[in-house]
Amino acid sequence: MPLKPDLPEPESVQKRVGLAIVGLGKLSAEELIPAIRTSKHTRVAALVTSDLEEGHAFARAFDLTDEDVYSYDDFESLKNREDVDGVYIVLPNSLHRDYTERAARMGKHVLCEKPLSVNAADAQAMVDACRAAGVQLMTAYRCQYTPHHWAARDAVQGGKLGPIKLLDSMHVQVEEDAEAWRMKLDLAGGGPLPDVGLYSLNILRFVLGTEPEWVFAAQHQPKNDSRFREVEESVSFMLGFPDGIIANALTSYGAHKTTTLRVLGEEGSALMEPAFTYTGLSLILTDKDGQTIPAFGSYDQFGLEIDHFAERVRDGKTPWTPGEEGVQDHRIMDAIYQSARTGGRVQLEKYAGQDIFRGEKPQLPE
């Protein structure tokens, strides 16, 4: 059993950043709302749902009133709630743009679940809308806020492994429900790639801090499986980074749950397995002196991410994973699908520098 997170000393309710949770699915119920309630700087101020009865039950469970529950049709009523500083959008991917633009028009900051949208064009429109309204837009990439992933990044960028040569990552799971929204192309924008494969893509970019220059990909969509009438079952993609670094990734909705990240340098390696689970992350660093397993106190990944958002809402600085970070992943995913369709390598726009789509670094727990 995972250890219970060490709870930070909370601020008074009046000082915390108030969030409206938009969408009350499993992730909101089991991870996000509990994380907010034990976070340092945020609180649940309102709920937005298609099922008001369920919303009222949630409200009673989390010290809210029926007046704090809104239908999707009443979403704009949040404009009059001064205690709602921002919204956390936890909806099917195709709805992200609409609700982000509506929130921006109300002057509310936006924390949006990944992927940011369904393609690069829609994601960029979200960035533009929030910039025009003067509100924050942050992409919810929880794995860029954990001490484990930062330790892997520091080992890579700090030279502990020597010059980096190869990386690989895998995030696969079995999706059994053919009617789930993530299996509908118009709702999800794709299959496992924008859902679980995005973890691999995003964390490969994160640990290196640089951007890929080309992609090469293949995908499989079985004809005799009703689950995959609209989306692919599996995708394999290769990324070419500056200095000849090559990364490979596999993602699927048809293979046993596995999450890994491996980085190979001339003088050492880093292995995370599991790499993307909510709890129980593991990191092993190997170099000429042997193996090291960094140890960290218990923490809540979602809580770290949400508190970072609150801090950026307060100080007005760009969050570590702003909307632009989500747009860049969409550009690359669009190119991955293009390569899989055409069978050829696709060149990407080259970007010089480190972390060019990222903002203010997060404060990690000690």
Protein backbone atom coordinates (compact mmCIF):
# COMPACT_ATOMS: atom_id res chain seq x y z
CA MET A 1 0.00 0.00 0.00
CA PRO A 2 1.33 3.49 -0.81
CA LEU A 3 2.19 5.70 2.11
CA LYS A 4 -0.27 8.43 2.93
CA PRO A 5 1.12 11.74 1.64
CA ASP A 6 2.64 14.11 4.17
CA LEU A 7 0.00 16.82 4.18
CA PRO A 8 1.28 20.40 3.85
CA GLU A 9 0.23 23.03 6.33
CA PRO A 10 -2.85 24.47 4.63
CA GLU A 11 -3.68 28.12 4.30
CA SER A 12 -6.93 29.51 5.59
CA VAL A 13 -9.89 28.95 3.30
CA GLN A 14 -10.10 32.65 2.51
CA LYS A 15 -6.55 32.75 1.16
CA ARG A 16 -6.68 29.66 -1.04
CA VAL A 17 -7.20 29.80 -4.82
CA GLY A 18 -10.76 28.66 -5.54
CA LEU A 19 -11.25 26.15 -8.35
CA ALA A 20 -14.35 24.96 -10.16
CA ILE A 21 -14.00 21.33 -11.25
CA VAL A 22 -15.56 20.93 -14.71
CA GLY A 23 -16.45 17.27 -15.13
CA LEU A 24 -17.06 14.76 -12.32
CA GLY A 25 -15.70 11.54 -13.74
CA LYS A 26 -13.45 8.99 -12.06
CA LEU A 27 -10.32 11.13 -12.20
CA SER A 28 -12.04 14.08 -10.53
CA ALA A 29 -13.70 11.95 -7.87
CA GLU A 30 -10.78 9.70 -6.97
CA GLU A 31 -7.74 11.91 -7.55
CA LEU A 32 -8.33 15.60 -8.20
CA ILE A 33 -10.85 16.59 -5.56
CA PRO A 34 -8.99 14.70 -2.79
CA ALA A 35 -5.71 16.27 -3.96
CA ILE A 36 -7.18 19.77 -3.86
CA ARG A 37 -8.62 19.19 -0.40
CA THR A 38 -5.18 18.21 0.95
CA SER A 39 -3.24 20.76 -1.11
CA LYS A 40 -1.45 23.79 0.25
CA HIS A 41 -2.89 26.64 -1.81
CA THR A 42 -6.19 25.57 -3.40
CA ARG A 43 -9.75 24.63 -2.53
CA VAL A 44 -12.79 23.27 -4.36
CA ALA A 45 -15.16 26.20 -4.80
CA ALA A 46 -17.67 24.81 -7.32
CA LEU A 47 -18.59 21.75 -9.37
CA VAL A 48 -19.82 21.63 -12.97
CA THR A 49 -21.53 18.43 -14.14
CA SER A 50 -24.17 16.96 -16.41
CA ASP A 51 -25.76 15.14 -13.45
CA LEU A 52 -26.96 17.62 -10.84
CA GLU A 53 -28.08 14.88 -8.47
CA GLU A 54 -24.61 13.39 -8.51
CA GLY A 55 -23.13 16.87 -8.17
CA HIS A 56 -25.22 17.58 -5.08
CA ALA A 57 -24.02 14.31 -3.55
CA PHE A 58 -20.43 15.35 -4.22
CA ALA A 59 -21.13 18.76 -2.72
CA ARG A 60 -22.45 17.25 0.50
CA ALA A 61 -19.39 14.98 0.72
CA PHE A 62 -16.93 17.83 0.22
CA ASP A 63 -18.38 20.61 2.37
CA LEU A 64 -20.08 22.47 -0.48
CA THR A 65 -23.71 23.46 -0.91
CA ASP A 66 -26.20 22.73 -3.68
CA GLU A 67 -25.66 26.33 -4.85
CA ASP A 68 -22.03 25.42 -5.62
CA VAL A 69 -23.14 22.87 -8.23
CA TYR A 70 -23.69 24.01 -11.83
CA SER A 71 -24.89 22.30 -14.99
CA TYR A 72 -22.93 22.72 -18.21
CA ASP A 73 -25.67 25.04 -19.44
CA ASP A 74 -25.09 27.25 -16.40
CA PHE A 75 -21.30 27.31 -16.80
CA GLU A 76 -21.26 31.07 -17.49
CA SER A 77 -22.84 31.69 -14.09
CA LEU A 78 -19.37 31.17 -12.63
CA LYS A 79 -18.52 34.64 -13.90
CA ASN A 80 -20.35 36.04 -10.89
CA ARG A 81 -18.47 33.88 -8.41
CA GLU A 82 -15.61 36.02 -7.11
CA ASP A 83 -14.41 33.08 -5.02
CA VAL A 84 -13.84 31.01 -8.20
CA ASP A 85 -10.41 32.06 -9.46
CA GLY A 86 -10.01 29.32 -12.04
CA VAL A 87 -11.44 26.17 -13.57
CA TYR A 88 -9.95 22.70 -13.86
CA ILE A 89 -11.28 21.17 -17.10
CA VAL A 90 -11.65 17.38 -16.89
CA LEU A 91 -13.78 16.66 -19.96
CA PRO A 92 -13.42 14.66 -23.20
CA ASN A 93 -10.62 16.15 -25.31
CA SER A 94 -12.88 17.64 -27.98
CA LEU A 95 -14.60 19.84 -25.36
CA HIS A 96 -11.39 21.39 -24.00
CA ARG A 97 -11.25 24.25 -26.49
CA ASP A 98 -14.87 25.33 -26.01
CA TYR A 99 -14.74 25.37 -22.22
CA THR A 100 -11.31 27.01 -22.13
CA GLU A 101 -12.47 29.82 -24.40
CA ARG A 102 -15.66 30.26 -22.36
CA ALA A 103 -13.69 30.36 -19.11
CA ALA A 104 -11.27 32.91 -20.58
CA ARG A 105 -14.15 35.17 -21.57
CA MET A 106 -15.29 35.07 -17.94
CA GLY A 107 -11.81 36.07 -16.78
CA LYS A 108 -11.17 32.70 -15.13
CA HIS A 109 -7.76 31.01 -15.20
CA VAL A 110 -7.65 27.54 -16.76
CA LEU A 111 -5.95 24.31 -15.72
CA CYS A 112 -6.76 21.78 -18.46
CA GLU A 113 -6.24 18.05 -18.47
CA LYS A 114 -3.96 16.63 -21.12
CA PRO A 115 -4.02 16.43 -24.07
CA LEU A 116 -4.73 20.11 -24.39
CA SER A 117 -7.20 19.48 -27.25
CA VAL A 118 -7.54 17.23 -30.32
CA ASN A 119 -5.00 18.87 -32.62
CA ALA A 120 -2.42 21.65 -32.74
CA ALA A 121 -4.75 24.22 -34.32
CA ASP A 122 -7.39 23.92 -31.58
CA ALA A 123 -4.72 23.91 -28.87
CA GLN A 124 -3.19 27.10 -30.26
CA ALA A 125 -6.64 28.73 -30.31
CA MET A 126 -6.91 27.99 -26.58
CA VAL A 127 -3.55 29.63 -25.94
CA ASP A 128 -4.58 32.67 -27.99
CA ALA A 129 -7.91 33.01 -26.16
CA CYS A 130 -6.32 32.93 -22.72
CA ARG A 131 -3.56 35.32 -23.73
CA ALA A 132 -6.11 37.79 -25.11
CA ALA A 133 -8.13 37.57 -21.89
CA GLY A 134 -5.08 37.94 -19.66
CA VAL A 135 -5.63 34.65 -17.83
CA GLN A 136 -3.34 31.71 -17.19
CA LEU A 137 -3.60 28.49 -19.21
CA MET A 138 -1.72 25.52 -17.80
CA THR A 139 -1.56 22.00 -19.25
CA ALA A 140 -1.98 19.34 -16.55
CA TYR A 141 1.21 17.34 -17.05
CA ARG A 142 1.49 15.91 -13.54
CA CYS A 143 4.69 13.96 -14.31
CA GLN A 144 6.60 17.21 -14.78
CA TYR A 145 5.97 18.03 -11.10
CA THR A 146 7.26 14.91 -9.32
CA PRO A 147 10.61 14.58 -7.53
CA HIS A 148 11.20 11.24 -9.28
CA HIS A 149 10.94 12.66 -12.78
CA TRP A 150 13.00 15.70 -11.83
CA ALA A 151 15.73 13.45 -10.42
CA ALA A 152 15.82 11.59 -13.74
CA ARG A 153 15.99 14.90 -15.61
CA ASP A 154 18.76 16.21 -13.34
CA ALA A 155 20.81 13.04 -13.89
CA VAL A 156 20.41 13.41 -17.66
CA GLN A 157 21.11 17.12 -17.88
CA GLY A 158 23.68 17.21 -15.08
CA GLY A 159 26.06 14.83 -16.86
CA LYS A 160 25.75 11.93 -14.42
CA LEU A 161 25.08 9.53 -17.32
CA GLY A 162 27.59 11.05 -19.72
CA PRO A 163 26.54 12.12 -23.23
CA ILE A 164 23.01 10.83 -23.87
CA LYS A 165 22.59 8.52 -26.85
CA LEU A 166 19.28 6.64 -26.66
CA LEU A 167 15.96 6.78 -24.85
CA ASP A 168 12.92 4.55 -24.86
CA SER A 169 9.54 4.70 -23.22
CA MET A 170 6.45 2.52 -23.12
CA HIS A 171 2.94 3.25 -21.91
CA VAL A 172 0.39 0.59 -22.78
CA GLN A 173 -2.83 -0.71 -21.27
CA VAL A 174 -5.86 -2.75 -22.25
CA GLU A 175 -8.98 -0.71 -23.03
CA GLU A 176 -11.96 -3.08 -22.93
CA ASP A 177 -14.91 -0.69 -23.29
CA ALA A 178 -15.67 -0.11 -26.96
CA GLU A 179 -18.16 2.63 -26.01
CA ALA A 180 -15.80 4.67 -23.86
CA TRP A 181 -15.41 8.26 -25.09
CA ARG A 182 -11.67 7.77 -25.58
CA MET A 183 -12.50 5.20 -28.28
CA LYS A 184 -14.47 7.80 -30.28
CA LEU A 185 -12.34 9.71 -32.76
CA ASP A 186 -14.41 12.90 -32.66
CA LEU A 187 -14.19 13.06 -28.86
CA ALA A 188 -10.62 11.90 -28.27
CA GLY A 189 -8.78 12.99 -31.43
CA GLY A 190 -7.03 9.61 -31.60
CA GLY A 191 -6.50 6.39 -29.70
CA PRO A 192 -3.73 5.57 -27.21
CA LEU A 193 -1.32 8.18 -28.60
CA PRO A 194 -3.04 11.33 -27.22
CA ASP A 195 -4.12 9.46 -24.09
CA VAL A 196 -1.37 7.25 -22.63
CA GLY A 197 1.26 7.62 -25.36
CA LEU A 198 1.40 11.32 -24.65
CA TYR A 199 3.06 10.57 -21.30
CA SER A 200 6.01 9.04 -23.14
CA LEU A 201 6.24 11.84 -25.69
CA ASN A 202 6.04 14.56 -23.08
CA ILE A 203 8.49 13.04 -20.61
CA LEU A 204 11.08 12.32 -23.32
CA ARG A 205 11.03 16.01 -24.17
CA PHE A 206 11.09 16.91 -20.47
CA VAL A 207 14.15 14.90 -19.44
CA LEU A 208 16.17 16.18 -22.40
CA GLY A 209 14.83 19.73 -22.29
CA THR A 210 15.16 19.97 -26.08
CA GLU A 211 12.78 19.47 -28.99
CA PRO A 212 12.77 16.65 -31.58
CA GLU A 213 13.68 17.51 -35.15
CA TRP A 214 11.93 14.63 -36.94
CA VAL A 215 9.53 11.75 -36.32
CA PHE A 216 8.99 8.34 -37.89
CA ALA A 217 5.99 6.23 -36.92
CA ALA A 218 3.78 3.21 -37.59
CA GLN A 219 0.35 2.28 -36.25
CA HIS A 220 -1.99 -0.70 -36.23
CA GLN A 221 -5.79 -0.63 -36.32
CA PRO A 222 -7.29 -4.15 -36.38
CA LYS A 223 -10.28 -4.68 -38.67
CA ASN A 224 -11.97 -7.43 -36.67
CA ASP A 225 -12.10 -5.74 -33.25
CA SER A 226 -15.11 -3.54 -32.48
CA ARG A 227 -13.09 -1.51 -29.98
CA PHE A 228 -11.00 -0.03 -32.76
CA ARG A 229 -13.58 0.95 -35.33
CA GLU A 230 -12.49 4.58 -35.08
CA VAL A 231 -9.09 4.75 -33.39
CA GLU A 232 -5.82 2.88 -33.61
CA GLU A 233 -4.88 0.07 -31.25
CA SER A 234 -1.12 0.64 -31.18
CA VAL A 235 1.45 3.24 -32.24
CA SER A 236 5.23 3.02 -32.42
CA PHE A 237 7.18 6.21 -32.98
CA MET A 238 10.79 7.35 -33.16
CA LEU A 239 11.99 10.86 -32.38
CA GLY A 240 15.23 12.40 -33.58
CA PHE A 241 16.65 15.00 -31.16
CA PRO A 242 19.64 17.33 -31.61
CA ASP A 243 23.16 15.84 -31.37
CA GLY A 244 22.00 12.54 -32.85
CA ILE A 245 19.95 11.46 -29.82
CA ILE A 246 17.26 8.94 -30.80
CA ALA A 247 14.18 8.07 -28.74
CA ASN A 248 11.73 5.22 -29.31
CA ALA A 249 8.25 4.91 -27.82
CA LEU A 250 5.43 2.36 -27.84
CA THR A 251 1.82 2.91 -26.86
CA SER A 252 -1.24 0.67 -27.11
CA TYR A 253 -4.77 -0.01 -25.90
CA GLY A 254 -4.26 -3.73 -26.44
CA ALA A 255 -1.34 -4.75 -24.21
CA HIS A 256 -0.95 -5.44 -20.51
CA LYS A 257 -0.45 -2.32 -18.36
CA THR A 258 3.21 -1.27 -18.52
CA THR A 259 4.86 2.11 -18.01
CA THR A 260 8.60 2.62 -18.46
CA LEU A 261 11.25 5.23 -19.20
CA ARG A 262 14.87 4.38 -19.93
CA VAL A 263 17.72 6.76 -20.74
CA LEU A 264 21.08 5.45 -21.95
CA GLY A 265 24.25 7.53 -21.86
CA GLU A 266 27.90 6.70 -22.50
CA GLU A 267 28.61 6.45 -18.77
CA GLY A 268 25.35 5.37 -17.21
CA SER A 269 21.62 4.85 -17.45
CA ALA A 270 18.35 5.82 -15.81
CA LEU A 271 15.37 3.49 -15.49
CA MET A 272 11.90 4.37 -14.29
CA GLU A 273 9.53 1.39 -13.96
CA PRO A 274 6.77 2.19 -13.28
CA ALA A 275 7.20 5.61 -14.83
CA PHE A 276 3.71 7.12 -15.10
CA THR A 277 1.53 5.61 -12.39
CA TYR A 278 -0.19 7.83 -9.80
CA THR A 279 1.78 6.22 -6.96
CA GLY A 280 4.73 3.88 -6.56
CA LEU A 281 7.11 5.51 -9.04
CA SER A 282 10.57 3.93 -9.15
CA LEU A 283 13.89 5.37 -10.36
CA ILE A 284 17.21 3.53 -10.62
CA LEU A 285 20.35 5.44 -11.68
CA THR A 286 23.37 3.42 -12.81
CA ASP A 287 26.87 4.77 -13.43
CA LYS A 288 30.50 3.73 -12.96
CA ASP A 289 30.04 3.75 -9.18
CA GLY A 290 27.08 1.37 -9.26
CA GLN A 291 23.35 1.78 -8.72
CA THR A 292 21.56 4.53 -6.85
CA ILE A 293 17.88 4.52 -5.93
CA PRO A 294 16.86 8.06 -4.94
CA ALA A 295 14.44 8.19 -2.01
CA PHE A 296 11.74 10.80 -1.54
CA GLY A 297 9.11 11.45 1.07
CA SER A 298 5.54 10.66 0.14
CA TYR A 299 3.72 13.21 -2.00
CA ASP A 300 0.59 13.64 -4.10
CA GLN A 301 1.42 14.21 -7.79
CA PHE A 302 -1.83 16.02 -8.49
CA GLY A 303 -1.45 18.16 -5.40
CA LEU A 304 2.00 19.35 -6.52
CA GLU A 305 0.67 20.19 -9.96
CA ILE A 306 -2.41 22.02 -8.65
CA ASP A 307 -0.45 24.04 -6.10
CA HIS A 308 1.95 25.16 -8.84
CA PHE A 309 -1.04 26.41 -10.81
CA ALA A 310 -2.26 28.34 -7.76
CA GLU A 311 1.14 29.96 -7.28
CA ARG A 312 1.21 31.12 -10.91
CA VAL A 313 -2.34 32.47 -10.64
CA ARG A 314 -1.17 34.55 -7.70
CA ASP A 315 2.13 35.87 -9.06
CA GLY A 316 1.13 36.12 -12.73
CA LYS A 317 4.23 34.26 -13.91
CA THR A 318 4.05 31.64 -16.67
CA PRO A 319 3.46 28.12 -15.28
CA TRP A 320 6.04 25.44 -15.93
CA THR A 321 3.69 23.61 -18.33
CA PRO A 322 1.71 26.39 -20.00
CA GLY A 323 -0.63 25.97 -22.94
CA GLU A 324 2.34 26.33 -25.30
CA GLU A 325 3.80 23.10 -23.89
CA GLY A 326 0.56 21.32 -24.78
CA VAL A 327 0.54 22.86 -28.27
CA GLN A 328 4.04 21.55 -28.99
CA ASP A 329 3.02 18.01 -28.08
CA HIS A 330 0.07 18.34 -30.45
CA ARG A 331 2.37 19.45 -33.26
CA ILE A 332 4.47 16.36 -32.72
CA MET A 333 1.46 14.03 -32.42
CA ASP A 334 0.02 15.46 -35.64
CA ALA A 335 3.36 14.65 -37.30
CA ILE A 336 3.38 11.13 -35.81
CA TYR A 337 -0.01 10.40 -37.35
CA GLN A 338 1.15 11.91 -40.65
CA SER A 339 4.22 9.65 -40.66
CA ALA A 340 2.12 6.59 -39.83
CA ARG A 341 -0.21 7.38 -42.75
CA THR A 342 2.50 8.07 -45.30
CA GLY A 343 5.19 5.65 -44.18
CA GLY A 344 7.85 8.36 -44.30
CA ARG A 345 9.87 10.45 -41.91
CA VAL A 346 8.36 13.86 -41.11
CA GLN A 347 10.58 16.85 -40.40
CA LEU A 348 9.61 19.12 -37.52
CA GLU A 349 10.33 22.78 -37.03
CA LYS A 350 13.66 23.18 -35.26
CA TYR A 351 13.83 25.07 -31.98
CA ALA A 352 17.10 26.05 -30.33
CA GLY A 353 17.56 26.28 -26.59
CA GLN A 354 16.33 24.54 -23.44
CA ASP A 355 12.74 24.34 -22.20
CA ILE A 356 11.58 26.95 -24.67
CA PHE A 357 7.88 26.12 -24.21
CA ARG A 358 8.06 25.98 -20.42
CA GLY A 359 7.75 28.68 -17.78
CA GLU A 360 8.60 29.16 -14.11
CA LYS A 361 10.13 26.05 -12.53
CA PRO A 362 7.98 24.33 -9.91
CA GLN A 363 8.91 24.16 -6.25
CA LEU A 364 9.47 20.51 -5.38
CA PRO A 365 8.90 19.02 -1.92
CA GLU A 366 12.05 18.56 0.16
